[in-house]
Amino acid sequence: MASHPYEYKVLVEYISPEEKGKYPHFGHIEDQEGFSSTLTDVFQHLPESIPTGWEVVSHDIALSRNTVVISVLIRHQKRISAREKTG
């Protein structure tokens, strides 16, 4: 049986308010601006987190309680070993 041609990894970033117990209210402009600024910072540095030769397959931004969870699925093609080539 042939193996899958790709290897996958998931990159995850958790973003929580600096003050414990503080919950953002996204109806307030200040919280919206802070959230947008934080996401911009994370995504500006994202390319540094992706190793050379890997590609982004999908991503997701979720909110769980007061924590934003950003996940990025990446993959790269596996190298075929001599053993796999010969069966």
C-alpha atoms as a PDB file:
ATOM      1  CA  MET A   1       0.000   0.000   0.000  1.00  0.00           C
ATOM      2  CA  ALA A   2       1.425   3.375  -1.016  1.00  0.00           C
ATOM      3  CA  SER A   3       1.921   5.991   1.658  1.00  0.00           C
ATOM      4  CA  HIS A   4       0.343   9.424   1.505  1.00  0.00           C
ATOM      5  CA  PRO A   5       2.489  11.812  -0.558  1.00  0.00           C
ATOM      6  CA  TYR A   6       2.299  14.720   1.933  1.00  0.00           C
ATOM      7  CA  GLU A   7       3.313  15.402   5.514  1.00  0.00           C
ATOM      8  CA  TYR A   8       1.064  17.782   7.467  1.00  0.00           C
ATOM      9  CA  LYS A   9       1.560  20.040  10.501  1.00  0.00           C
ATOM     10  CA  VAL A  10      -0.717  22.452  12.330  1.00  0.00           C
ATOM     11  CA  LEU A  11       0.516  25.818  13.578  1.00  0.00           C
ATOM     12  CA  VAL A  12      -1.578  27.233  16.429  1.00  0.00           C
ATOM     13  CA  GLU A  13      -1.510  30.656  18.087  1.00  0.00           C
ATOM     14  CA  TYR A  14      -3.537  31.439  21.224  1.00  0.00           C
ATOM     15  CA  ILE A  15      -4.304  35.085  21.966  1.00  0.00           C
ATOM     16  CA  SER A  16      -5.808  36.019  25.331  1.00  0.00           C
ATOM     17  CA  PRO A  17      -6.374  39.417  26.964  1.00  0.00           C
ATOM     18  CA  GLU A  18      -3.375  40.564  28.997  1.00  0.00           C
ATOM     19  CA  GLU A  19      -5.578  41.200  32.023  1.00  0.00           C
ATOM     20  CA  LYS A  20      -6.965  37.971  33.459  1.00  0.00           C
ATOM     21  CA  GLY A  21     -10.761  37.968  33.548  1.00  0.00           C
ATOM     22  CA  LYS A  22     -11.083  40.824  31.030  1.00  0.00           C
ATOM     23  CA  TYR A  23     -13.394  39.931  28.162  1.00  0.00           C
ATOM     24  CA  PRO A  24     -13.369  41.903  24.903  1.00  0.00           C
ATOM     25  CA  HIS A  25     -16.637  43.418  23.752  1.00  0.00           C
ATOM     26  CA  PHE A  26     -16.468  43.535  19.985  1.00  0.00           C
ATOM     27  CA  GLY A  27     -19.269  46.097  19.855  1.00  0.00           C
ATOM     28  CA  HIS A  28     -16.784  48.627  21.309  1.00  0.00           C
ATOM     29  CA  ILE A  29     -14.538  50.328  18.782  1.00  0.00           C
ATOM     30  CA  GLU A  30     -11.527  50.136  21.130  1.00  0.00           C
ATOM     31  CA  ASP A  31     -11.820  46.351  21.371  1.00  0.00           C
ATOM     32  CA  GLN A  32     -12.309  46.043  17.607  1.00  0.00           C
ATOM     33  CA  GLU A  33      -9.191  48.122  16.947  1.00  0.00           C
ATOM     34  CA  GLY A  34      -7.158  46.137  19.485  1.00  0.00           C
ATOM     35  CA  PHE A  35      -8.309  42.846  17.988  1.00  0.00           C
ATOM     36  CA  SER A  36      -7.502  43.996  14.432  1.00  0.00           C
ATOM     37  CA  SER A  37      -4.072  45.218  15.511  1.00  0.00           C
ATOM     38  CA  THR A  38      -3.265  41.927  17.256  1.00  0.00           C
ATOM     39  CA  LEU A  39      -4.367  39.853  14.249  1.00  0.00           C
ATOM     40  CA  THR A  40      -2.282  42.043  11.945  1.00  0.00           C
ATOM     41  CA  ASP A  41       0.792  41.457  14.135  1.00  0.00           C
ATOM     42  CA  VAL A  42       0.239  37.688  14.164  1.00  0.00           C
ATOM     43  CA  PHE A  43      -0.267  37.436  10.400  1.00  0.00           C
ATOM     44  CA  GLN A  44       2.731  39.682   9.622  1.00  0.00           C
ATOM     45  CA  HIS A  45       4.965  37.185  11.454  1.00  0.00           C
ATOM     46  CA  LEU A  46       3.220  34.062  10.144  1.00  0.00           C
ATOM     47  CA  PRO A  47       5.531  33.593   7.127  1.00  0.00           C
ATOM     48  CA  GLU A  48       8.480  33.314   9.558  1.00  0.00           C
ATOM     49  CA  SER A  49       6.712  30.337  11.194  1.00  0.00           C
ATOM     50  CA  ILE A  50       6.282  28.365   7.977  1.00  0.00           C
ATOM     51  CA  PRO A  51       9.376  26.331   7.095  1.00  0.00           C
ATOM     52  CA  THR A  52      10.823  26.546   3.586  1.00  0.00           C
ATOM     53  CA  GLY A  53       9.123  24.115   1.227  1.00  0.00           C
ATOM     54  CA  TRP A  54       5.857  24.023   3.171  1.00  0.00           C
ATOM     55  CA  GLU A  55       2.581  25.498   1.898  1.00  0.00           C
ATOM     56  CA  VAL A  56      -0.578  26.671   3.642  1.00  0.00           C
ATOM     57  CA  VAL A  57      -3.522  24.353   3.015  1.00  0.00           C
ATOM     58  CA  SER A  58      -6.121  26.082   5.189  1.00  0.00           C
ATOM     59  CA  HIS A  59      -6.537  28.358   8.183  1.00  0.00           C
ATOM     60  CA  ASP A  60      -9.144  29.197  10.810  1.00  0.00           C
ATOM     61  CA  ILE A  61      -9.767  31.905  13.392  1.00  0.00           C
ATOM     62  CA  ALA A  62     -12.001  30.890  16.289  1.00  0.00           C
ATOM     63  CA  LEU A  63     -13.067  32.536  19.537  1.00  0.00           C
ATOM     64  CA  SER A  64     -13.342  30.334  22.620  1.00  0.00           C
ATOM     65  CA  ARG A  65     -14.394  32.184  25.775  1.00  0.00           C
ATOM     66  CA  ASN A  66     -11.966  35.107  25.810  1.00  0.00           C
ATOM     67  CA  THR A  67      -9.213  33.444  23.751  1.00  0.00           C
ATOM     68  CA  VAL A  68      -8.727  33.777  20.011  1.00  0.00           C
ATOM     69  CA  VAL A  69      -7.346  30.584  18.459  1.00  0.00           C
ATOM     70  CA  ILE A  70      -5.631  30.855  15.074  1.00  0.00           C
ATOM     71  CA  SER A  71      -4.775  27.586  13.368  1.00  0.00           C
ATOM     72  CA  VAL A  72      -2.954  27.076  10.088  1.00  0.00           C
ATOM     73  CA  LEU A  73      -2.669  23.690   8.360  1.00  0.00           C
ATOM     74  CA  ILE A  74       0.548  23.360   6.350  1.00  0.00           C
ATOM     75  CA  ARG A  75       1.964  20.553   4.216  1.00  0.00           C
ATOM     76  CA  HIS A  76       4.958  19.565   2.149  1.00  0.00           C
ATOM     77  CA  GLN A  77       5.630  16.692  -0.184  1.00  0.00           C
ATOM     78  CA  LYS A  78       7.351  13.741   1.449  1.00  0.00           C
ATOM     79  CA  ARG A  79      10.651  12.567   0.076  1.00  0.00           C
ATOM     80  CA  ILE A  80      10.365   9.062  -1.266  1.00  0.00           C
ATOM     81  CA  SER A  81      12.944   6.748   0.229  1.00  0.00           C
ATOM     82  CA  ALA A  82      14.736   4.090  -1.842  1.00  0.00           C
ATOM     83  CA  ARG A  83      12.847   1.453   0.140  1.00  0.00           C
ATOM     84  CA  GLU A  84       9.463   2.949  -0.832  1.00  0.00           C
ATOM     85  CA  LYS A  85      10.524   3.215  -4.485  1.00  0.00           C
ATOM     86  CA  THR A  86      11.348  -0.477  -4.713  1.00  0.00           C
ATOM     87  CA  GLY A  87       8.293  -1.586  -2.763  1.00  0.00           C
END
